[in-house]
PDB file of N, CA and C in Angstrom:
ATOM      1  N   MET A   1       0.558  -1.165   0.209  1.00  0.00           N
ATOM      2  CA  MET A   1       0.139   0.108   0.014  1.00  0.00           C
ATOM      3  C   MET A   1       0.579   1.319  -0.482  1.00  0.00           C
ATOM      4  N   GLY A   2       0.705   2.112  -0.703  1.00  0.00           N
ATOM      5  CA  GLY A   2       1.661   3.250  -0.971  1.00  0.00           C
ATOM      6  C   GLY A   2       0.957   4.515  -0.154  1.00  0.00           C
ATOM      7  N   PHE A   3       2.004   4.802   0.854  1.00  0.00           N
ATOM      8  CA  PHE A   3       1.497   6.122   2.031  1.00  0.00           C
ATOM      9  C   PHE A   3       2.352   7.127   1.235  1.00  0.00           C
ATOM     10  N   ILE A   4       3.226   7.246   0.585  1.00  0.00           N
ATOM     11  CA  ILE A   4       3.906   8.388  -0.298  1.00  0.00           C
ATOM     12  C   ILE A   4       2.907   8.865  -0.899  1.00  0.00           C
ATOM     13  N   ILE A   5       2.697  10.289  -1.277  1.00  0.00           N
ATOM     14  CA  ILE A   5       1.691  10.911  -2.168  1.00  0.00           C
ATOM     15  C   ILE A   5       2.503  11.465  -3.263  1.00  0.00           C
ATOM     16  N   LYS A   6       3.766  12.237  -2.623  1.00  0.00           N
ATOM     17  CA  LYS A   6       4.289  12.982  -3.735  1.00  0.00           C
ATOM     18  C   LYS A   6       5.413  13.847  -3.133  1.00  0.00           C
ATOM     19  N   PRO A   7       6.567  13.794  -3.440  1.00  0.00           N
ATOM     20  CA  PRO A   7       7.853  14.458  -2.866  1.00  0.00           C
ATOM     21  C   PRO A   7       7.458  15.888  -2.649  1.00  0.00           C
ATOM     22  N   LEU A   8       8.305  16.327  -1.503  1.00  0.00           N
ATOM     23  CA  LEU A   8       8.214  18.292  -1.315  1.00  0.00           C
ATOM     24  C   LEU A   8       9.115  18.377  -1.962  1.00  0.00           C
ATOM     25  N   VAL A   9       8.783  19.280  -3.282  1.00  0.00           N
ATOM     26  CA  VAL A   9       9.967  20.052  -3.667  1.00  0.00           C
ATOM     27  C   VAL A   9       9.693  21.990  -3.492  1.00  0.00           C
ATOM     28  N   THR A  10       9.815  22.371  -2.620  1.00  0.00           N
ATOM     29  CA  THR A  10       9.488  23.726  -2.187  1.00  0.00           C
ATOM     30  C   THR A  10      10.603  24.655  -1.990  1.00  0.00           C
ATOM     31  N   GLU A  11      10.719  25.601  -1.800  1.00  0.00           N
ATOM     32  CA  GLU A  11      11.718  26.860  -1.469  1.00  0.00           C
ATOM     33  C   GLU A  11      12.046  26.330   0.101  1.00  0.00           C
ATOM     34  N   LYS A  12      11.044  25.879   0.942  1.00  0.00           N
ATOM     35  CA  LYS A  12      11.166  25.464   2.279  1.00  0.00           C
ATOM     36  C   LYS A  12      12.100  24.458   2.699  1.00  0.00           C
ATOM     37  N   MET A  13      11.357  23.525   1.736  1.00  0.00           N
ATOM     38  CA  MET A  13      12.321  22.091   2.382  1.00  0.00           C
ATOM     39  C   MET A  13      13.454  22.331   1.247  1.00  0.00           C
ATOM     40  N   THR A  14      13.983  22.880   0.310  1.00  0.00           N
ATOM     41  CA  THR A  14      15.162  23.221  -0.195  1.00  0.00           C
ATOM     42  C   THR A  14      16.329  23.904   0.674  1.00  0.00           C
ATOM     43  N   LYS A  15      15.664  24.575   1.636  1.00  0.00           N
ATOM     44  CA  LYS A  15      16.688  25.447   2.723  1.00  0.00           C
ATOM     45  C   LYS A  15      16.890  24.483   3.512  1.00  0.00           C
ATOM     46  N   ILE A  16      15.868  23.654   4.101  1.00  0.00           N
ATOM     47  CA  ILE A  16      16.025  22.678   5.066  1.00  0.00           C
ATOM     48  C   ILE A  16      17.381  21.626   4.527  1.00  0.00           C
ATOM     49  N   THR A  17      17.206  21.315   3.495  1.00  0.00           N
ATOM     50  CA  THR A  17      17.675  20.111   2.838  1.00  0.00           C
ATOM     51  C   THR A  17      19.640  20.978   2.766  1.00  0.00           C
ATOM     52  N   ASP A  18      19.605  22.106   2.105  1.00  0.00           N
ATOM     53  CA  ASP A  18      20.660  22.624   2.475  1.00  0.00           C
ATOM     54  C   ASP A  18      21.505  23.142   3.384  1.00  0.00           C
ATOM     55  N   LYS A  19      20.810  23.479   4.608  1.00  0.00           N
ATOM     56  CA  LYS A  19      20.932  23.683   5.747  1.00  0.00           C
ATOM     57  C   LYS A  19      21.656  22.187   6.445  1.00  0.00           C
ATOM     58  N   SER A  20      20.959  21.431   6.485  1.00  0.00           N
ATOM     59  CA  SER A  20      21.387  20.246   7.074  1.00  0.00           C
ATOM     60  C   SER A  20      22.719  19.549   6.552  1.00  0.00           C
ATOM     61  N   SER A  21      22.849  19.804   5.329  1.00  0.00           N
ATOM     62  CA  SER A  21      23.974  18.931   4.349  1.00  0.00           C
ATOM     63  C   SER A  21      25.215  19.581   4.352  1.00  0.00           C
ATOM     64  N   VAL A  22      25.320  20.770   5.283  1.00  0.00           N
ATOM     65  CA  VAL A  22      26.821  21.389   5.679  1.00  0.00           C
ATOM     66  C   VAL A  22      27.308  21.013   7.221  1.00  0.00           C
ATOM     67  N   GLU A  23      28.100  20.579   7.340  1.00  0.00           N
ATOM     68  CA  GLU A  23      28.860  20.212   8.302  1.00  0.00           C
ATOM     69  C   GLU A  23      29.220  21.519   9.425  1.00  0.00           C
ATOM     70  N   ARG A  24      28.774  21.139  10.574  1.00  0.00           N
ATOM     71  CA  ARG A  24      28.712  23.040  11.402  1.00  0.00           C
ATOM     72  C   ARG A  24      29.355  22.592  12.621  1.00  0.00           C
ATOM     73  N   THR A  25      29.887  23.710  13.197  1.00  0.00           N
ATOM     74  CA  THR A  25      31.290  23.858  14.074  1.00  0.00           C
ATOM     75  C   THR A  25      30.625  24.507  15.189  1.00  0.00           C
ATOM     76  N   TYR A  26      30.384  24.470  16.581  1.00  0.00           N
ATOM     77  CA  TYR A  26      29.811  25.269  17.366  1.00  0.00           C
ATOM     78  C   TYR A  26      30.477  25.117  18.714  1.00  0.00           C
ATOM     79  N   LYS A  27      30.478  26.242  19.260  1.00  0.00           N
ATOM     80  CA  LYS A  27      30.963  25.814  20.800  1.00  0.00           C
ATOM     81  C   LYS A  27      29.788  26.011  22.020  1.00  0.00           C
ATOM     82  N   VAL A  28      30.016  25.177  22.784  1.00  0.00           N
ATOM     83  CA  VAL A  28      29.246  24.741  24.103  1.00  0.00           C
ATOM     84  C   VAL A  28      30.094  25.002  25.557  1.00  0.00           C
ATOM     85  N   LYS A  29      30.069  25.535  25.909  1.00  0.00           N
ATOM     86  CA  LYS A  29      30.407  25.934  27.413  1.00  0.00           C
ATOM     87  C   LYS A  29      32.016  26.242  27.156  1.00  0.00           C
ATOM     88  N   GLY A  30      32.646  26.311  25.915  1.00  0.00           N
ATOM     89  CA  GLY A  30      33.980  26.499  25.605  1.00  0.00           C
ATOM     90  C   GLY A  30      34.894  25.438  24.676  1.00  0.00           C
ATOM     91  N   GLN A  31      33.611  24.561  24.887  1.00  0.00           N
ATOM     92  CA  GLN A  31      34.041  23.124  23.707  1.00  0.00           C
ATOM     93  C   GLN A  31      33.922  23.311  22.677  1.00  0.00           C
ATOM     94  N   GLU A  32      34.306  22.853  21.815  1.00  0.00           N
ATOM     95  CA  GLU A  32      33.972  22.949  20.532  1.00  0.00           C
ATOM     96  C   GLU A  32      33.443  21.676  19.673  1.00  0.00           C
ATOM     97  N   ARG A  33      32.258  21.887  19.171  1.00  0.00           N
ATOM     98  CA  ARG A  33      31.447  20.541  18.723  1.00  0.00           C
ATOM     99  C   ARG A  33      31.117  20.747  17.467  1.00  0.00           C
ATOM    100  N   THR A  34      31.013  19.614  16.895  1.00  0.00           N
ATOM    101  CA  THR A  34      30.695  19.539  15.136  1.00  0.00           C
ATOM    102  C   THR A  34      29.680  18.483  15.004  1.00  0.00           C
ATOM    103  N   LYS A  35      28.694  19.187  14.249  1.00  0.00           N
ATOM    104  CA  LYS A  35      27.353  18.537  14.038  1.00  0.00           C
ATOM    105  C   LYS A  35      27.908  17.811  12.375  1.00  0.00           C
ATOM    106  N   LYS A  36      27.481  16.845  12.403  1.00  0.00           N
ATOM    107  CA  LYS A  36      27.603  16.046  11.322  1.00  0.00           C
ATOM    108  C   LYS A  36      26.473  16.346  10.018  1.00  0.00           C
ATOM    109  N   ALA A  37      26.737  16.242   8.590  1.00  0.00           N
ATOM    110  CA  ALA A  37      26.265  16.818   7.672  1.00  0.00           C
ATOM    111  C   ALA A  37      25.019  15.664   7.390  1.00  0.00           C
ATOM    112  N   GLU A  38      24.081  15.736   7.328  1.00  0.00           N
ATOM    113  CA  GLU A  38      22.948  15.271   7.100  1.00  0.00           C
ATOM    114  C   GLU A  38      21.603  15.667   5.714  1.00  0.00           C
ATOM    115  N   VAL A  39      21.741  14.610   5.155  1.00  0.00           N
ATOM    116  CA  VAL A  39      20.590  14.958   3.876  1.00  0.00           C
ATOM    117  C   VAL A  39      19.513  14.422   4.574  1.00  0.00           C
ATOM    118  N   LYS A  40      18.711  15.364   4.210  1.00  0.00           N
ATOM    119  CA  LYS A  40      17.207  15.644   4.404  1.00  0.00           C
ATOM    120  C   LYS A  40      16.155  15.600   3.332  1.00  0.00           C
ATOM    121  N   VAL A  41      15.002  14.876   3.369  1.00  0.00           N
ATOM    122  CA  VAL A  41      14.101  14.832   1.922  1.00  0.00           C
ATOM    123  C   VAL A  41      12.947  15.009   3.070  1.00  0.00           C
ATOM    124  N   GLY A  42      12.362  15.685   1.813  1.00  0.00           N
ATOM    125  CA  GLY A  42      10.604  15.924   2.516  1.00  0.00           C
ATOM    126  C   GLY A  42       9.636  15.014   1.356  1.00  0.00           C
ATOM    127  N   PHE A  43       8.577  14.378   2.319  1.00  0.00           N
ATOM    128  CA  PHE A  43       7.480  13.904   1.230  1.00  0.00           C
ATOM    129  C   PHE A  43       6.026  14.224   1.893  1.00  0.00           C
ATOM    130  N   ILE A  44       5.045  14.255   1.159  1.00  0.00           N
ATOM    131  CA  ILE A  44       3.888  14.358   1.578  1.00  0.00           C
ATOM    132  C   ILE A  44       3.102  12.982   1.266  1.00  0.00           C
ATOM    133  N   VAL A  45       2.801  12.749   2.806  1.00  0.00           N
ATOM    134  CA  VAL A  45       2.343  11.181   2.613  1.00  0.00           C
ATOM    135  C   VAL A  45       0.802  11.437   3.471  1.00  0.00           C
ATOM    136  N   LYS A  46       0.395  10.073   3.043  1.00  0.00           N
ATOM    137  CA  LYS A  46      -1.167   9.936   3.799  1.00  0.00           C
ATOM    138  C   LYS A  46      -1.152  10.220   5.477  1.00  0.00           C
ATOM    139  N   PRO A  47      -2.534  10.680   5.758  1.00  0.00           N
ATOM    140  CA  PRO A  47      -2.147  11.173   7.210  1.00  0.00           C
ATOM    141  C   PRO A  47      -2.170   9.924   8.253  1.00  0.00           C
ATOM    142  N   GLU A  48      -2.947   8.335   7.995  1.00  0.00           N
ATOM    143  CA  GLU A  48      -2.800   7.429   8.481  1.00  0.00           C
ATOM    144  C   GLU A  48      -1.218   6.813   8.478  1.00  0.00           C
ATOM    145  N   ALA A  49      -0.598   7.053   7.915  1.00  0.00           N
ATOM    146  CA  ALA A  49       0.886   6.279   7.844  1.00  0.00           C
ATOM    147  C   ALA A  49       1.754   6.956   9.141  1.00  0.00           C
ATOM    148  N   ASN A  50       2.714   5.816   9.323  1.00  0.00           N
ATOM    149  CA  ASN A  50       3.243   6.182  10.558  1.00  0.00           C
ATOM    150  C   ASN A  50       4.693   5.824   9.892  1.00  0.00           C
ATOM    151  N   LYS A  51       5.595   6.359  11.155  1.00  0.00           N
ATOM    152  CA  LYS A  51       7.045   6.505  10.839  1.00  0.00           C
ATOM    153  C   LYS A  51       7.799   5.369  10.084  1.00  0.00           C
ATOM    154  N   VAL A  52       7.277   3.889  10.796  1.00  0.00           N
ATOM    155  CA  VAL A  52       7.977   2.658  10.423  1.00  0.00           C
ATOM    156  C   VAL A  52       7.309   2.348   9.012  1.00  0.00           C
ATOM    157  N   GLU A  53       6.031   2.382   8.626  1.00  0.00           N
ATOM    158  CA  GLU A  53       5.618   2.432   7.119  1.00  0.00           C
ATOM    159  C   GLU A  53       6.198   3.638   6.396  1.00  0.00           C
ATOM    160  N   ILE A  54       6.525   4.605   6.640  1.00  0.00           N
ATOM    161  CA  ILE A  54       6.966   5.486   5.655  1.00  0.00           C
ATOM    162  C   ILE A  54       8.616   4.953   5.486  1.00  0.00           C
ATOM    163  N   LYS A  55       9.240   4.749   6.317  1.00  0.00           N
ATOM    164  CA  LYS A  55      10.592   4.504   6.207  1.00  0.00           C
ATOM    165  C   LYS A  55      10.830   3.116   5.422  1.00  0.00           C
ATOM    166  N   LYS A  56       9.933   2.228   5.540  1.00  0.00           N
ATOM    167  CA  LYS A  56       9.975   1.336   4.823  1.00  0.00           C
ATOM    168  C   LYS A  56       9.456   1.388   3.186  1.00  0.00           C
ATOM    169  N   GLU A  57       9.099   2.325   3.050  1.00  0.00           N
ATOM    170  CA  GLU A  57       8.571   2.411   1.650  1.00  0.00           C
ATOM    171  C   GLU A  57       9.395   3.767   0.971  1.00  0.00           C
ATOM    172  N   VAL A  58      10.008   4.649   1.682  1.00  0.00           N
ATOM    173  CA  VAL A  58      11.224   5.253   0.842  1.00  0.00           C
ATOM    174  C   VAL A  58      12.456   4.458   0.915  1.00  0.00           C
ATOM    175  N   GLU A  59      12.608   3.304   1.547  1.00  0.00           N
ATOM    176  CA  GLU A  59      14.058   2.700   1.546  1.00  0.00           C
ATOM    177  C   GLU A  59      13.417   1.750   0.161  1.00  0.00           C
ATOM    178  N   GLY A  60      12.321   1.234   0.496  1.00  0.00           N
ATOM    179  CA  GLY A  60      11.839   0.283  -1.239  1.00  0.00           C
ATOM    180  C   GLY A  60      12.293   1.046  -2.457  1.00  0.00           C
ATOM    181  N   LEU A  61      11.570   2.282  -2.391  1.00  0.00           N
ATOM    182  CA  LEU A  61      11.737   3.022  -3.544  1.00  0.00           C
ATOM    183  C   LEU A  61      12.764   3.388  -4.483  1.00  0.00           C
ATOM    184  N   TYR A  62      13.735   4.173  -3.180  1.00  0.00           N
ATOM    185  CA  TYR A  62      14.791   4.645  -3.747  1.00  0.00           C
ATOM    186  C   TYR A  62      15.990   4.282  -3.129  1.00  0.00           C
ATOM    187  N   ASN A  63      16.215   2.883  -2.747  1.00  0.00           N
ATOM    188  CA  ASN A  63      17.173   2.062  -2.575  1.00  0.00           C
ATOM    189  C   ASN A  63      18.073   2.935  -1.618  1.00  0.00           C
ATOM    190  N   VAL A  64      17.838   3.608  -0.506  1.00  0.00           N
ATOM    191  CA  VAL A  64      18.557   4.775   0.328  1.00  0.00           C
ATOM    192  C   VAL A  64      18.326   3.633   1.894  1.00  0.00           C
ATOM    193  N   THR A  65      19.265   4.143   2.724  1.00  0.00           N
ATOM    194  CA  THR A  65      19.323   4.060   3.904  1.00  0.00           C
ATOM    195  C   THR A  65      18.640   5.032   5.052  1.00  0.00           C
ATOM    196  N   VAL A  66      17.517   4.842   5.422  1.00  0.00           N
ATOM    197  CA  VAL A  66      16.970   6.005   6.467  1.00  0.00           C
ATOM    198  C   VAL A  66      17.105   5.805   7.784  1.00  0.00           C
ATOM    199  N   LEU A  67      17.843   6.917   8.179  1.00  0.00           N
ATOM    200  CA  LEU A  67      18.336   6.726   9.503  1.00  0.00           C
ATOM    201  C   LEU A  67      16.871   7.446  10.725  1.00  0.00           C
ATOM    202  N   ALA A  68      16.161   8.810  10.312  1.00  0.00           N
ATOM    203  CA  ALA A  68      15.369   9.041  10.876  1.00  0.00           C
ATOM    204  C   ALA A  68      14.049   9.448  10.321  1.00  0.00           C
ATOM    205  N   VAL A  69      13.059   9.526  10.770  1.00  0.00           N
ATOM    206  CA  VAL A  69      11.602   9.946  10.131  1.00  0.00           C
ATOM    207  C   VAL A  69      10.584  10.949  10.930  1.00  0.00           C
ATOM    208  N   ASN A  70      10.854  12.455  10.704  1.00  0.00           N
ATOM    209  CA  ASN A  70      10.009  13.251  11.599  1.00  0.00           C
ATOM    210  C   ASN A  70       8.946  13.395  10.737  1.00  0.00           C
ATOM    211  N   THR A  71       7.719  13.476  11.363  1.00  0.00           N
ATOM    212  CA  THR A  71       6.218  13.766  10.655  1.00  0.00           C
ATOM    213  C   THR A  71       5.632  15.203  11.400  1.00  0.00           C
ATOM    214  N   ILE A  72       4.767  15.721  10.295  1.00  0.00           N
ATOM    215  CA  ILE A  72       4.150  17.103  11.103  1.00  0.00           C
ATOM    216  C   ILE A  72       2.833  16.721  10.492  1.00  0.00           C
ATOM    217  N   LYS A  73       1.967  16.701  10.954  1.00  0.00           N
ATOM    218  CA  LYS A  73       0.429  16.716  10.905  1.00  0.00           C
ATOM    219  C   LYS A  73      -0.455  17.908  10.454  1.00  0.00           C
ATOM    220  N   TYR A  74      -0.978  18.032   9.462  1.00  0.00           N
ATOM    221  CA  TYR A  74      -1.579  19.752   9.194  1.00  0.00           C
ATOM    222  C   TYR A  74      -3.217  19.245   8.955  1.00  0.00           C
ATOM    223  N   ALA A  75      -4.052  20.089   9.796  1.00  0.00           N
ATOM    224  CA  ALA A  75      -5.433  19.859   9.640  1.00  0.00           C
ATOM    225  C   ALA A  75      -5.966  20.901   8.082  1.00  0.00           C
ATOM    226  N   GLY A  76      -6.738  20.455   7.832  1.00  0.00           N
ATOM    227  CA  GLY A  76      -7.704  21.099   6.455  1.00  0.00           C
ATOM    228  C   GLY A  76      -7.928  21.888   6.711  1.00  0.00           C
ATOM    229  N   LYS A  77      -7.801  23.018   6.113  1.00  0.00           N
ATOM    230  CA  LYS A  77      -8.407  24.690   6.444  1.00  0.00           C
ATOM    231  C   LYS A  77      -9.673  24.481   5.483  1.00  0.00           C
ATOM    232  N   ARG A  78     -10.255  25.273   6.314  1.00  0.00           N
ATOM    233  CA  ARG A  78     -11.722  25.746   5.656  1.00  0.00           C
ATOM    234  C   ARG A  78     -11.630  26.860   4.868  1.00  0.00           C
ATOM    235  N   SER A  79     -12.642  26.720   3.911  1.00  0.00           N
ATOM    236  CA  SER A  79     -12.702  28.160   3.046  1.00  0.00           C
ATOM    237  C   SER A  79     -14.058  28.385   2.512  1.00  0.00           C
ATOM    238  N   SER A  80     -14.166  29.757   2.360  1.00  0.00           N
ATOM    239  CA  SER A  80     -15.518  30.107   1.879  1.00  0.00           C
ATOM    240  C   SER A  80     -15.507  31.045   0.722  1.00  0.00           C
ATOM    241  N   ARG A  81     -16.318  31.468   0.016  1.00  0.00           N
ATOM    242  CA  ARG A  81     -16.202  32.078  -1.352  1.00  0.00           C
ATOM    243  C   ARG A  81     -17.608  32.746  -1.487  1.00  0.00           C
ATOM    244  N   TYR A  82     -17.838  33.653  -2.097  1.00  0.00           N
ATOM    245  CA  TYR A  82     -19.051  34.307  -2.556  1.00  0.00           C
ATOM    246  C   TYR A  82     -19.267  33.973  -4.097  1.00  0.00           C
ATOM    247  N   THR A  83     -20.323  33.692  -4.190  1.00  0.00           N
ATOM    248  CA  THR A  83     -20.746  33.258  -5.933  1.00  0.00           C
ATOM    249  C   THR A  83     -21.858  33.915  -6.586  1.00  0.00           C
ATOM    250  N   LYS A  84     -22.190  33.547  -7.859  1.00  0.00           N
ATOM    251  CA  LYS A  84     -23.533  34.305  -7.676  1.00  0.00           C
ATOM    252  C   LYS A  84     -24.461  33.076  -7.284  1.00  0.00           C
ATOM    253  N   SER A  85     -24.184  32.184  -7.322  1.00  0.00           N
ATOM    254  CA  SER A  85     -25.603  31.390  -6.057  1.00  0.00           C
ATOM    255  C   SER A  85     -25.520  31.577  -5.124  1.00  0.00           C
ATOM    256  N   GLY A  86     -24.753  32.245  -4.259  1.00  0.00           N
ATOM    257  CA  GLY A  86     -24.212  32.671  -3.187  1.00  0.00           C
ATOM    258  C   GLY A  86     -23.134  31.986  -2.246  1.00  0.00           C
ATOM    259  N   LEU A  87     -23.256  32.106  -0.969  1.00  0.00           N
ATOM    260  CA  LEU A  87     -22.030  31.522   0.004  1.00  0.00           C
ATOM    261  C   LEU A  87     -21.505  30.039  -0.327  1.00  0.00           C
ATOM    262  N   VAL A  88     -20.898  29.573  -0.866  1.00  0.00           N
ATOM    263  CA  VAL A  88     -19.908  28.445  -0.932  1.00  0.00           C
ATOM    264  C   VAL A  88     -18.645  28.248   0.163  1.00  0.00           C
ATOM    265  N   LYS A  89     -19.348  26.756   0.860  1.00  0.00           N
ATOM    266  CA  LYS A  89     -18.088  26.520   1.987  1.00  0.00           C
ATOM    267  C   LYS A  89     -17.650  25.559   1.608  1.00  0.00           C
ATOM    268  N   GLY A  90     -16.459  25.443   1.995  1.00  0.00           N
ATOM    269  CA  GLY A  90     -15.934  23.925   1.491  1.00  0.00           C
ATOM    270  C   GLY A  90     -14.576  23.876   2.744  1.00  0.00           C
ATOM    271  N   GLN A  91     -13.999  22.721   2.326  1.00  0.00           N
ATOM    272  CA  GLN A  91     -12.577  22.625   3.542  1.00  0.00           C
ATOM    273  C   GLN A  91     -11.530  21.910   2.460  1.00  0.00           C
ATOM    274  N   LYS A  92     -10.276  22.083   2.625  1.00  0.00           N
ATOM    275  CA  LYS A  92      -9.305  21.623   2.154  1.00  0.00           C
ATOM    276  C   LYS A  92      -9.003  20.178   2.751  1.00  0.00           C
ATOM    277  N   ASN A  93      -8.046  19.167   2.264  1.00  0.00           N
ATOM    278  CA  ASN A  93      -7.692  17.925   2.442  1.00  0.00           C
ATOM    279  C   ASN A  93      -6.793  18.406   4.164  1.00  0.00           C
ATOM    280  N   ALA A  94      -7.031  17.312   4.903  1.00  0.00           N
ATOM    281  CA  ALA A  94      -5.862  17.166   5.932  1.00  0.00           C
ATOM    282  C   ALA A  94      -4.919  16.228   5.396  1.00  0.00           C
ATOM    283  N   PHE A  95      -3.365  16.897   5.579  1.00  0.00           N
ATOM    284  CA  PHE A  95      -2.341  15.870   5.073  1.00  0.00           C
ATOM    285  C   PHE A  95      -0.936  15.819   6.083  1.00  0.00           C
ATOM    286  N   LYS A  96      -0.207  14.840   5.694  1.00  0.00           N
ATOM    287  CA  LYS A  96       0.805  14.777   6.786  1.00  0.00           C
ATOM    288  C   LYS A  96       2.050  14.912   5.817  1.00  0.00           C
ATOM    289  N   LYS A  97       2.830  16.052   6.571  1.00  0.00           N
ATOM    290  CA  LYS A  97       4.370  15.679   6.007  1.00  0.00           C
ATOM    291  C   LYS A  97       5.293  14.656   6.721  1.00  0.00           C
ATOM    292  N   ALA A  98       6.564  14.186   5.648  1.00  0.00           N
ATOM    293  CA  ALA A  98       7.573  13.573   6.468  1.00  0.00           C
ATOM    294  C   ALA A  98       8.596  14.269   5.995  1.00  0.00           C
ATOM    295  N   ILE A  99       9.463  14.272   7.106  1.00  0.00           N
ATOM    296  CA  ILE A  99      11.059  14.698   6.805  1.00  0.00           C
ATOM    297  C   ILE A  99      11.844  13.527   7.071  1.00  0.00           C
ATOM    298  N   VAL A 100      12.374  13.062   5.800  1.00  0.00           N
ATOM    299  CA  VAL A 100      13.087  11.865   6.260  1.00  0.00           C
ATOM    300  C   VAL A 100      14.606  12.087   6.066  1.00  0.00           C
ATOM    301  N   THR A 101      15.797  11.530   7.284  1.00  0.00           N
ATOM    302  CA  THR A 101      17.012  11.866   7.144  1.00  0.00           C
ATOM    303  C   THR A 101      17.669  10.585   6.241  1.00  0.00           C
ATOM    304  N   LEU A 102      18.449  10.792   5.420  1.00  0.00           N
ATOM    305  CA  LEU A 102      19.340   9.447   5.212  1.00  0.00           C
ATOM    306  C   LEU A 102      20.674   9.341   5.648  1.00  0.00           C
ATOM    307  N   LYS A 103      21.088   8.345   5.169  1.00  0.00           N
ATOM    308  CA  LYS A 103      22.625   7.963   5.467  1.00  0.00           C
ATOM    309  C   LYS A 103      23.316   8.801   4.868  1.00  0.00           C
ATOM    310  N   GLU A 104      24.744   9.199   5.474  1.00  0.00           N
ATOM    311  CA  GLU A 104      25.878   9.989   4.699  1.00  0.00           C
ATOM    312  C   GLU A 104      26.064   9.144   3.701  1.00  0.00           C
ATOM    313  N   GLY A 105      26.135  10.021   2.351  1.00  0.00           N
ATOM    314  CA  GLY A 105      26.611   9.450   1.055  1.00  0.00           C
ATOM    315  C   GLY A 105      25.493   8.678   0.585  1.00  0.00           C
ATOM    316  N   ASP A 106      24.159   8.742   0.821  1.00  0.00           N
ATOM    317  CA  ASP A 106      23.074   8.343   0.249  1.00  0.00           C
ATOM    318  C   ASP A 106      22.471   9.950  -0.326  1.00  0.00           C
ATOM    319  N   SER A 107      21.700   9.734  -1.488  1.00  0.00           N
ATOM    320  CA  SER A 107      20.937  10.911  -1.947  1.00  0.00           C
ATOM    321  C   SER A 107      19.353  10.456  -2.709  1.00  0.00           C
ATOM    322  N   ILE A 108      18.596  11.157  -2.998  1.00  0.00           N
ATOM    323  CA  ILE A 108      17.347  10.943  -3.680  1.00  0.00           C
ATOM    324  C   ILE A 108      17.445  11.897  -5.177  1.00  0.00           C
ATOM    325  N   ASP A 109      17.499  11.649  -6.110  1.00  0.00           N
ATOM    326  CA  ASP A 109      17.241  12.629  -7.100  1.00  0.00           C
ATOM    327  C   ASP A 109      16.183  12.699  -8.061  1.00  0.00           C
ATOM    328  N   PHE A 110      15.048  13.807  -7.485  1.00  0.00           N
ATOM    329  CA  PHE A 110      13.528  13.938  -8.011  1.00  0.00           C
ATOM    330  C   PHE A 110      13.834  14.007  -9.131  1.00  0.00           C
ATOM    331  N   TYR A 111      14.642  14.732  -9.953  1.00  0.00           N
ATOM    332  CA  TYR A 111      14.911  15.149 -11.373  1.00  0.00           C
ATOM    333  C   TYR A 111      15.337  14.069 -12.377  1.00  0.00           C
ATOM    334  N   SER A 112      15.908  13.278 -11.984  1.00  0.00           N
ATOM    335  CA  SER A 112      16.636  12.380 -13.095  1.00  0.00           C
ATOM    336  C   SER A 112      15.542  11.857 -14.196  1.00  0.00           C
ATOM    337  N   ASN A 113      14.283  11.569 -14.091  1.00  0.00           N
ATOM    338  CA  ASN A 113      13.352  11.116 -15.301  1.00  0.00           C
ATOM    339  C   ASN A 113      13.042  11.693 -15.918  1.00  0.00           C
ATOM    340  N   ILE A 114      13.033  13.679 -15.662  1.00  0.00           N
ATOM    341  CA  ILE A 114      12.628  14.400 -16.535  1.00  0.00           C
ATOM    342  C   ILE A 114      13.499  14.752 -17.877  1.00  0.00           C
ATOM    343  N   GLU A 115      12.988  14.544 -19.119  1.00  0.00           N
ATOM    344  CA  GLU A 115      13.900  14.394 -20.330  1.00  0.00           C
ATOM    345  C   GLU A 115      13.507  16.053 -20.796  1.00  0.00           C
TER     346      GLU A 115
END
C-alpha cells in the first residue's frame, strides 16, 4: 500500500536540505563540537501513515538507508467564497509531511526522470 503521495520540492524544503547537508562547528561551554552533515528529504504522505511504514516505503522506492523520520500533521483548512449562487463553504484535505534523514553518502534525485 502506497503511503507516499508526492515528494516535497519547495523553497522551504530546499532550505532545510541545504542547511542540514553542511557540517557545522559550534561552541558549548568552551568546548568545540561538530554536527555531522545529514541529507534531509521531504514527502507528503497519507495522514494514517506511521514512521515505520514511511521508512520502509522510502527505502524500497529509492534504494537508500533511512536514519530517521520526522512527521508533521496539518489539519484541513476551511474556506468560503461568494459566488452568483451565494456563499459556498468547503474544506481542504488534511495531510501529513514526513522529513526523512538519509545515511551519509545516500541521496535522492527527483529530477533524474525528466527529459
